[in-house]
Amino acid sequence: MKRMILAAALASAICGSASADPLNVFGTFKLPSGKSHIEIADCGDGSPCGKVVWISPDGLPNGASPDTIKDANGAKILGLRLLHSFERKTSDWRGGKIYDPEEGKTYASRLKRLANGNLEVKGCIGPICQTQIWKPVTS
């Protein structure tokens, strides 16, 4: 009996570490371009909010720095909130908003942590969604 319990506990630990909780979307992530990092933290109500915490100085326009670069609406991008207003569902976060600083537009959004630890981020207009995969930033 002890062997069965030990085997079940070991199998659970191995399987548990191989898959991530799809609702645990918190952490710091690198955008696919690699040019900025987004930190996702609790908005204060248990839902995720994401803001820009790092911008690569490479490729910025002349005279611009990560501290001075602005979005399409004239707001500083560093520290800008890009993700908010999500509702917890069974297997993901939905009903949220994602802001595109290059276009100055806000879209419907969904978030989900994938089994490999990456974050699936969807921006949607009606039923049509575009998906990006954001990778966790490692120290």
N, C-alpha and C. Protein backbone atom coordinates (compact mmCIF):
# COMPACT_ATOMS: atom_id res chain seq x y z
N MET A 1 0.82 -1.19 0.00
CA MET A 1 0.00 0.00 0.00
C MET A 1 0.87 1.26 0.00
N LYS A 2 1.95 1.24 0.83
CA LYS A 2 2.83 2.41 0.89
C LYS A 2 3.48 2.66 -0.46
N ARG A 3 3.84 1.57 -1.17
CA ARG A 3 4.45 1.72 -2.49
C ARG A 3 3.50 2.38 -3.47
N MET A 4 2.22 2.02 -3.41
CA MET A 4 1.23 2.59 -4.32
C MET A 4 1.06 4.08 -4.04
N ILE A 5 1.02 4.47 -2.77
CA ILE A 5 0.87 5.87 -2.40
C ILE A 5 2.09 6.66 -2.84
N LEU A 6 3.29 6.08 -2.60
CA LEU A 6 4.52 6.73 -3.01
C LEU A 6 4.59 6.87 -4.53
N ALA A 7 4.21 5.83 -5.25
CA ALA A 7 4.22 5.89 -6.72
C ALA A 7 3.23 6.93 -7.23
N ALA A 8 2.05 6.99 -6.63
CA ALA A 8 1.05 7.98 -7.04
C ALA A 8 1.54 9.40 -6.76
N ALA A 9 2.17 9.61 -5.61
CA ALA A 9 2.69 10.93 -5.27
C ALA A 9 3.80 11.34 -6.23
N LEU A 10 4.69 10.40 -6.54
CA LEU A 10 5.78 10.67 -7.46
C LEU A 10 5.25 10.98 -8.87
N ALA A 11 4.30 10.22 -9.34
CA ALA A 11 3.70 10.46 -10.66
C ALA A 11 3.01 11.81 -10.69
N SER A 12 2.33 12.15 -9.61
CA SER A 12 1.65 13.44 -9.54
C SER A 12 2.65 14.59 -9.59
N ALA A 13 3.76 14.44 -8.87
CA ALA A 13 4.78 15.49 -8.85
C ALA A 13 5.42 15.66 -10.23
N ILE A 14 5.68 14.54 -10.90
CA ILE A 14 6.29 14.60 -12.23
C ILE A 14 5.32 15.22 -13.23
N CYS A 15 4.08 14.78 -13.24
CA CYS A 15 3.09 15.32 -14.17
C CYS A 15 2.77 16.77 -13.84
N GLY A 16 2.71 17.10 -12.58
CA GLY A 16 2.39 18.46 -12.16
C GLY A 16 3.44 19.45 -12.61
N SER A 17 4.69 19.05 -12.58
CA SER A 17 5.75 19.98 -12.98
C SER A 17 5.83 20.14 -14.49
N ALA A 18 5.26 19.19 -15.23
CA ALA A 18 5.33 19.26 -16.67
C ALA A 18 4.26 20.18 -17.26
N SER A 19 3.23 20.48 -16.49
CA SER A 19 2.19 21.34 -17.03
C SER A 19 1.97 22.53 -16.10
N ALA A 20 1.77 23.68 -16.71
CA ALA A 20 1.56 24.91 -15.96
C ALA A 20 0.07 25.13 -15.75
N ASP A 21 -0.27 25.84 -14.69
CA ASP A 21 -1.64 26.24 -14.41
C ASP A 21 -2.03 27.29 -15.45
N PRO A 22 -3.04 27.05 -16.28
CA PRO A 22 -3.38 28.02 -17.33
C PRO A 22 -3.84 29.38 -16.79
N LEU A 23 -4.25 29.42 -15.53
CA LEU A 23 -4.70 30.67 -14.93
C LEU A 23 -3.57 31.46 -14.28
N ASN A 24 -2.40 30.83 -14.11
CA ASN A 24 -1.26 31.53 -13.53
C ASN A 24 -0.51 32.27 -14.65
N VAL A 25 -1.00 33.45 -14.95
CA VAL A 25 -0.43 34.25 -16.04
C VAL A 25 0.50 35.33 -15.52
N PHE A 26 0.81 35.28 -14.23
CA PHE A 26 1.61 36.33 -13.59
C PHE A 26 3.10 36.09 -13.80
N GLY A 27 3.84 37.17 -13.95
CA GLY A 27 5.28 37.10 -14.17
C GLY A 27 5.70 38.16 -15.17
N THR A 28 6.94 38.07 -15.60
CA THR A 28 7.47 39.01 -16.59
C THR A 28 7.74 38.25 -17.88
N PHE A 29 7.25 38.81 -18.98
CA PHE A 29 7.30 38.13 -20.27
C PHE A 29 7.93 39.01 -21.34
N LYS A 30 8.59 38.35 -22.27
CA LYS A 30 9.25 39.00 -23.40
C LYS A 30 8.30 38.94 -24.60
N LEU A 31 8.07 40.08 -25.24
CA LEU A 31 7.26 40.09 -26.46
C LEU A 31 7.99 39.34 -27.56
N PRO A 32 7.27 38.81 -28.57
CA PRO A 32 7.93 38.05 -29.64
C PRO A 32 9.06 38.81 -30.33
N SER A 33 8.95 40.12 -30.43
CA SER A 33 10.01 40.91 -31.07
C SER A 33 11.27 40.96 -30.21
N GLY A 34 11.12 40.70 -28.91
CA GLY A 34 12.24 40.78 -27.98
C GLY A 34 12.59 42.19 -27.58
N LYS A 35 11.83 43.18 -28.06
CA LYS A 35 12.16 44.58 -27.83
C LYS A 35 11.58 45.15 -26.54
N SER A 36 10.70 44.42 -25.88
CA SER A 36 10.17 44.91 -24.61
C SER A 36 9.70 43.75 -23.74
N HIS A 37 9.62 44.05 -22.43
CA HIS A 37 9.15 43.09 -21.44
C HIS A 37 7.90 43.64 -20.78
N ILE A 38 6.96 42.74 -20.52
CA ILE A 38 5.70 43.10 -19.87
C ILE A 38 5.62 42.35 -18.55
N GLU A 39 5.38 43.08 -17.47
CA GLU A 39 5.19 42.46 -16.17
C GLU A 39 3.70 42.35 -15.91
N ILE A 40 3.24 41.12 -15.63
CA ILE A 40 1.84 40.90 -15.31
C ILE A 40 1.74 40.61 -13.83
N ALA A 41 0.97 41.44 -13.14
CA ALA A 41 0.78 41.32 -11.69
C ALA A 41 -0.70 41.46 -11.38
N ASP A 42 -1.04 41.24 -10.13
CA ASP A 42 -2.41 41.36 -9.66
C ASP A 42 -2.85 42.83 -9.73
N CYS A 43 -4.00 43.07 -10.33
CA CYS A 43 -4.56 44.43 -10.43
C CYS A 43 -5.03 44.94 -9.06
N GLY A 44 -5.09 44.05 -8.08
CA GLY A 44 -5.61 44.42 -6.77
C GLY A 44 -6.90 43.69 -6.46
N ASP A 45 -7.47 43.05 -7.49
CA ASP A 45 -8.71 42.30 -7.32
C ASP A 45 -8.53 40.83 -7.71
N GLY A 46 -7.27 40.40 -7.87
CA GLY A 46 -6.98 39.02 -8.26
C GLY A 46 -6.85 38.82 -9.76
N SER A 47 -7.25 39.81 -10.55
CA SER A 47 -7.15 39.70 -12.00
C SER A 47 -5.81 40.27 -12.47
N PRO A 48 -5.35 39.82 -13.65
CA PRO A 48 -4.04 40.28 -14.14
C PRO A 48 -4.08 41.65 -14.82
N CYS A 49 -3.04 42.43 -14.53
CA CYS A 49 -2.77 43.70 -15.22
C CYS A 49 -1.33 43.62 -15.72
N GLY A 50 -1.08 44.10 -16.92
CA GLY A 50 0.26 44.05 -17.47
C GLY A 50 0.75 45.42 -17.86
N LYS A 51 2.02 45.71 -17.52
CA LYS A 51 2.61 46.99 -17.89
C LYS A 51 4.00 46.77 -18.47
N VAL A 52 4.44 47.73 -19.27
CA VAL A 52 5.76 47.69 -19.89
C VAL A 52 6.80 48.03 -18.83
N VAL A 53 7.77 47.12 -18.60
CA VAL A 53 8.81 47.35 -17.59
C VAL A 53 10.21 47.47 -18.19
N TRP A 54 10.36 47.14 -19.47
CA TRP A 54 11.68 47.23 -20.09
C TRP A 54 11.50 47.42 -21.60
N ILE A 55 12.29 48.31 -22.17
CA ILE A 55 12.31 48.53 -23.62
C ILE A 55 13.77 48.50 -24.06
N SER A 56 14.05 47.75 -25.11
CA SER A 56 15.40 47.70 -25.65
C SER A 56 15.74 49.05 -26.27
N PRO A 57 16.94 49.56 -26.00
CA PRO A 57 17.34 50.82 -26.64
C PRO A 57 17.69 50.64 -28.12
N ASP A 58 17.91 49.41 -28.54
CA ASP A 58 18.26 49.13 -29.94
C ASP A 58 17.06 49.41 -30.85
N GLY A 59 17.31 50.14 -31.91
CA GLY A 59 16.27 50.39 -32.90
C GLY A 59 15.31 51.52 -32.59
N LEU A 60 15.54 52.25 -31.52
CA LEU A 60 14.69 53.40 -31.23
C LEU A 60 15.05 54.56 -32.16
N PRO A 61 14.09 55.43 -32.45
CA PRO A 61 14.40 56.58 -33.30
C PRO A 61 15.48 57.45 -32.68
N ASN A 62 16.20 58.19 -33.53
CA ASN A 62 17.25 59.09 -33.04
C ASN A 62 16.72 60.03 -31.97
N GLY A 63 17.48 60.17 -30.90
CA GLY A 63 17.10 61.05 -29.81
C GLY A 63 16.14 60.43 -28.81
N ALA A 64 15.59 59.27 -29.11
CA ALA A 64 14.65 58.60 -28.19
C ALA A 64 15.41 57.62 -27.31
N SER A 65 14.92 57.46 -26.11
CA SER A 65 15.46 56.47 -25.18
C SER A 65 14.29 55.67 -24.62
N PRO A 66 14.56 54.55 -23.96
CA PRO A 66 13.46 53.80 -23.36
C PRO A 66 12.60 54.66 -22.42
N ASP A 67 13.22 55.66 -21.77
CA ASP A 67 12.47 56.52 -20.85
C ASP A 67 11.64 57.58 -21.55
N THR A 68 11.94 57.88 -22.82
CA THR A 68 11.24 58.98 -23.50
C THR A 68 10.34 58.53 -24.64
N ILE A 69 10.48 57.29 -25.11
CA ILE A 69 9.69 56.82 -26.26
C ILE A 69 8.20 56.87 -25.91
N LYS A 70 7.39 57.33 -26.88
CA LYS A 70 5.95 57.51 -26.63
C LYS A 70 5.11 56.67 -27.58
N ASP A 71 3.88 56.40 -27.15
CA ASP A 71 2.95 55.64 -27.98
C ASP A 71 2.29 56.54 -29.02
N ALA A 72 1.37 55.98 -29.80
CA ALA A 72 0.69 56.72 -30.85
C ALA A 72 -0.14 57.88 -30.31
N ASN A 73 -0.49 57.82 -29.02
CA ASN A 73 -1.30 58.87 -28.41
C ASN A 73 -0.48 59.85 -27.59
N GLY A 74 0.85 59.70 -27.60
CA GLY A 74 1.73 60.64 -26.90
C GLY A 74 2.05 60.29 -25.46
N ALA A 75 1.64 59.12 -24.97
CA ALA A 75 1.95 58.70 -23.60
C ALA A 75 3.27 57.94 -23.58
N LYS A 76 4.03 58.09 -22.50
CA LYS A 76 5.27 57.32 -22.36
C LYS A 76 4.94 55.83 -22.32
N ILE A 77 5.72 55.05 -23.06
CA ILE A 77 5.45 53.61 -23.13
C ILE A 77 5.97 52.89 -21.89
N LEU A 78 7.14 53.27 -21.40
CA LEU A 78 7.69 52.61 -20.22
C LEU A 78 6.76 52.88 -19.03
N GLY A 79 6.25 51.81 -18.43
CA GLY A 79 5.31 51.93 -17.33
C GLY A 79 3.85 51.92 -17.77
N LEU A 80 3.60 51.93 -19.06
CA LEU A 80 2.25 51.97 -19.61
C LEU A 80 1.52 50.65 -19.37
N ARG A 81 0.27 50.74 -18.95
CA ARG A 81 -0.56 49.54 -18.73
C ARG A 81 -1.10 49.07 -20.07
N LEU A 82 -0.76 47.83 -20.44
CA LEU A 82 -1.21 47.26 -21.71
C LEU A 82 -2.34 46.25 -21.55
N LEU A 83 -2.43 45.61 -20.39
CA LEU A 83 -3.42 44.55 -20.15
C LEU A 83 -4.23 44.87 -18.91
N HIS A 84 -5.55 44.69 -18.99
CA HIS A 84 -6.41 44.92 -17.81
C HIS A 84 -7.82 44.39 -18.07
N SER A 85 -8.64 44.39 -17.02
CA SER A 85 -10.08 44.08 -17.06
C SER A 85 -10.42 42.63 -17.40
N PHE A 86 -9.58 41.69 -16.99
CA PHE A 86 -9.83 40.28 -17.29
C PHE A 86 -10.75 39.64 -16.26
N GLU A 87 -11.50 38.64 -16.72
CA GLU A 87 -12.36 37.83 -15.86
C GLU A 87 -11.85 36.40 -15.88
N ARG A 88 -11.78 35.81 -14.70
CA ARG A 88 -11.31 34.44 -14.56
C ARG A 88 -12.38 33.48 -15.09
N LYS A 89 -11.96 32.59 -15.96
CA LYS A 89 -12.83 31.53 -16.46
C LYS A 89 -12.22 30.19 -16.04
N THR A 90 -12.79 29.09 -16.49
CA THR A 90 -12.31 27.78 -16.08
C THR A 90 -10.88 27.51 -16.50
N SER A 91 -10.53 27.86 -17.75
CA SER A 91 -9.20 27.50 -18.24
C SER A 91 -8.40 28.68 -18.79
N ASP A 92 -8.91 29.90 -18.65
CA ASP A 92 -8.16 31.07 -19.11
C ASP A 92 -8.77 32.33 -18.54
N TRP A 93 -8.20 33.47 -18.90
CA TRP A 93 -8.71 34.78 -18.53
C TRP A 93 -9.32 35.39 -19.79
N ARG A 94 -10.56 35.90 -19.69
CA ARG A 94 -11.25 36.46 -20.86
C ARG A 94 -11.86 37.81 -20.52
N GLY A 95 -12.38 38.46 -21.55
CA GLY A 95 -13.08 39.72 -21.36
C GLY A 95 -12.16 40.89 -21.07
N GLY A 96 -10.85 40.66 -21.21
CA GLY A 96 -9.88 41.70 -20.92
C GLY A 96 -9.64 42.61 -22.10
N LYS A 97 -8.75 43.56 -21.87
CA LYS A 97 -8.36 44.53 -22.89
C LYS A 97 -6.85 44.50 -23.06
N ILE A 98 -6.40 44.65 -24.31
CA ILE A 98 -4.98 44.78 -24.61
C ILE A 98 -4.80 46.02 -25.46
N TYR A 99 -3.83 46.82 -25.09
CA TYR A 99 -3.55 48.08 -25.78
C TYR A 99 -2.34 47.91 -26.67
N ASP A 100 -2.46 48.37 -27.91
CA ASP A 100 -1.35 48.35 -28.87
C ASP A 100 -0.78 49.76 -28.94
N PRO A 101 0.39 50.00 -28.33
CA PRO A 101 0.94 51.36 -28.30
C PRO A 101 1.35 51.90 -29.67
N GLU A 102 1.68 51.02 -30.60
CA GLU A 102 2.07 51.48 -31.94
C GLU A 102 0.87 52.06 -32.69
N GLU A 103 -0.28 51.45 -32.51
CA GLU A 103 -1.50 51.90 -33.19
C GLU A 103 -2.33 52.84 -32.33
N GLY A 104 -2.13 52.79 -31.02
CA GLY A 104 -2.94 53.60 -30.11
C GLY A 104 -4.35 53.07 -29.98
N LYS A 105 -4.51 51.75 -30.18
CA LYS A 105 -5.85 51.14 -30.15
C LYS A 105 -5.91 50.05 -29.09
N THR A 106 -7.13 49.83 -28.58
CA THR A 106 -7.38 48.81 -27.57
C THR A 106 -8.27 47.73 -28.17
N TYR A 107 -7.95 46.47 -27.86
CA TYR A 107 -8.68 45.33 -28.38
C TYR A 107 -9.13 44.42 -27.25
N ALA A 108 -10.13 43.57 -27.52
CA ALA A 108 -10.52 42.52 -26.58
C ALA A 108 -9.35 41.55 -26.46
N SER A 109 -9.23 40.89 -25.30
CA SER A 109 -8.07 40.03 -25.11
C SER A 109 -8.39 38.82 -24.24
N ARG A 110 -7.59 37.78 -24.42
CA ARG A 110 -7.63 36.55 -23.62
C ARG A 110 -6.19 36.19 -23.25
N LEU A 111 -6.02 35.59 -22.08
CA LEU A 111 -4.69 35.15 -21.62
C LEU A 111 -4.77 33.73 -21.12
N LYS A 112 -3.71 32.96 -21.37
CA LYS A 112 -3.63 31.60 -20.84
C LYS A 112 -2.18 31.17 -20.79
N ARG A 113 -1.76 30.57 -19.66
CA ARG A 113 -0.42 29.99 -19.55
C ARG A 113 -0.46 28.61 -20.19
N LEU A 114 0.48 28.37 -21.08
CA LEU A 114 0.59 27.08 -21.75
C LEU A 114 1.38 26.10 -20.90
N ALA A 115 1.28 24.83 -21.22
CA ALA A 115 1.95 23.78 -20.44
C ALA A 115 3.45 23.97 -20.40
N ASN A 116 4.04 24.58 -21.43
CA ASN A 116 5.50 24.78 -21.46
C ASN A 116 5.95 26.04 -20.72
N GLY A 117 4.99 26.77 -20.12
CA GLY A 117 5.33 27.97 -19.35
C GLY A 117 5.19 29.27 -20.13
N ASN A 118 5.05 29.19 -21.45
CA ASN A 118 4.83 30.38 -22.25
C ASN A 118 3.42 30.92 -22.02
N LEU A 119 3.20 32.16 -22.41
CA LEU A 119 1.91 32.80 -22.26
C LEU A 119 1.28 32.99 -23.63
N GLU A 120 0.05 32.51 -23.78
CA GLU A 120 -0.71 32.72 -25.00
C GLU A 120 -1.54 33.99 -24.81
N VAL A 121 -1.32 34.97 -25.68
CA VAL A 121 -2.01 36.26 -25.59
C VAL A 121 -2.78 36.45 -26.89
N LYS A 122 -4.08 36.67 -26.76
CA LYS A 122 -4.91 36.89 -27.94
C LYS A 122 -5.47 38.30 -27.89
N GLY A 123 -5.41 38.97 -29.03
CA GLY A 123 -6.06 40.25 -29.22
C GLY A 123 -7.14 40.04 -30.26
N CYS A 124 -8.36 40.50 -29.98
CA CYS A 124 -9.49 40.16 -30.84
C CYS A 124 -10.32 41.37 -31.25
N ILE A 125 -10.81 41.32 -32.46
CA ILE A 125 -11.86 42.23 -32.94
C ILE A 125 -13.02 41.31 -33.31
N GLY A 126 -14.05 41.35 -32.52
CA GLY A 126 -15.17 40.42 -32.73
C GLY A 126 -14.67 38.99 -32.60
N PRO A 127 -15.06 38.11 -33.54
CA PRO A 127 -14.64 36.71 -33.45
C PRO A 127 -13.25 36.43 -34.01
N ILE A 128 -12.62 37.45 -34.58
CA ILE A 128 -11.30 37.26 -35.21
C ILE A 128 -10.21 37.66 -34.23
N CYS A 129 -9.33 36.70 -33.93
CA CYS A 129 -8.27 36.94 -32.95
C CYS A 129 -6.90 36.72 -33.59
N GLN A 130 -5.94 37.49 -33.09
CA GLN A 130 -4.54 37.28 -33.45
C GLN A 130 -3.84 36.79 -32.19
N THR A 131 -3.06 35.75 -32.30
CA THR A 131 -2.40 35.14 -31.14
C THR A 131 -0.91 35.42 -31.18
N GLN A 132 -0.37 35.77 -30.02
CA GLN A 132 1.07 35.88 -29.83
C GLN A 132 1.46 34.95 -28.69
N ILE A 133 2.67 34.47 -28.73
CA ILE A 133 3.24 33.67 -27.65
C ILE A 133 4.32 34.49 -27.00
N TRP A 134 4.15 34.79 -25.71
CA TRP A 134 5.13 35.54 -24.93
C TRP A 134 5.90 34.56 -24.06
N LYS A 135 7.21 34.67 -24.09
CA LYS A 135 8.06 33.77 -23.30
C LYS A 135 8.45 34.42 -21.98
N PRO A 136 8.53 33.62 -20.92
CA PRO A 136 8.95 34.19 -19.63
C PRO A 136 10.37 34.75 -19.70
N VAL A 137 10.59 35.85 -19.00
CA VAL A 137 11.93 36.43 -18.91
C VAL A 137 12.66 35.67 -17.81
N THR A 138 13.84 35.20 -18.13
CA THR A 138 14.66 34.51 -17.13
C THR A 138 15.80 35.42 -16.72
N SER A 139 16.20 35.34 -15.48
CA SER A 139 17.26 36.21 -14.97
C SER A 139 18.58 35.90 -15.63
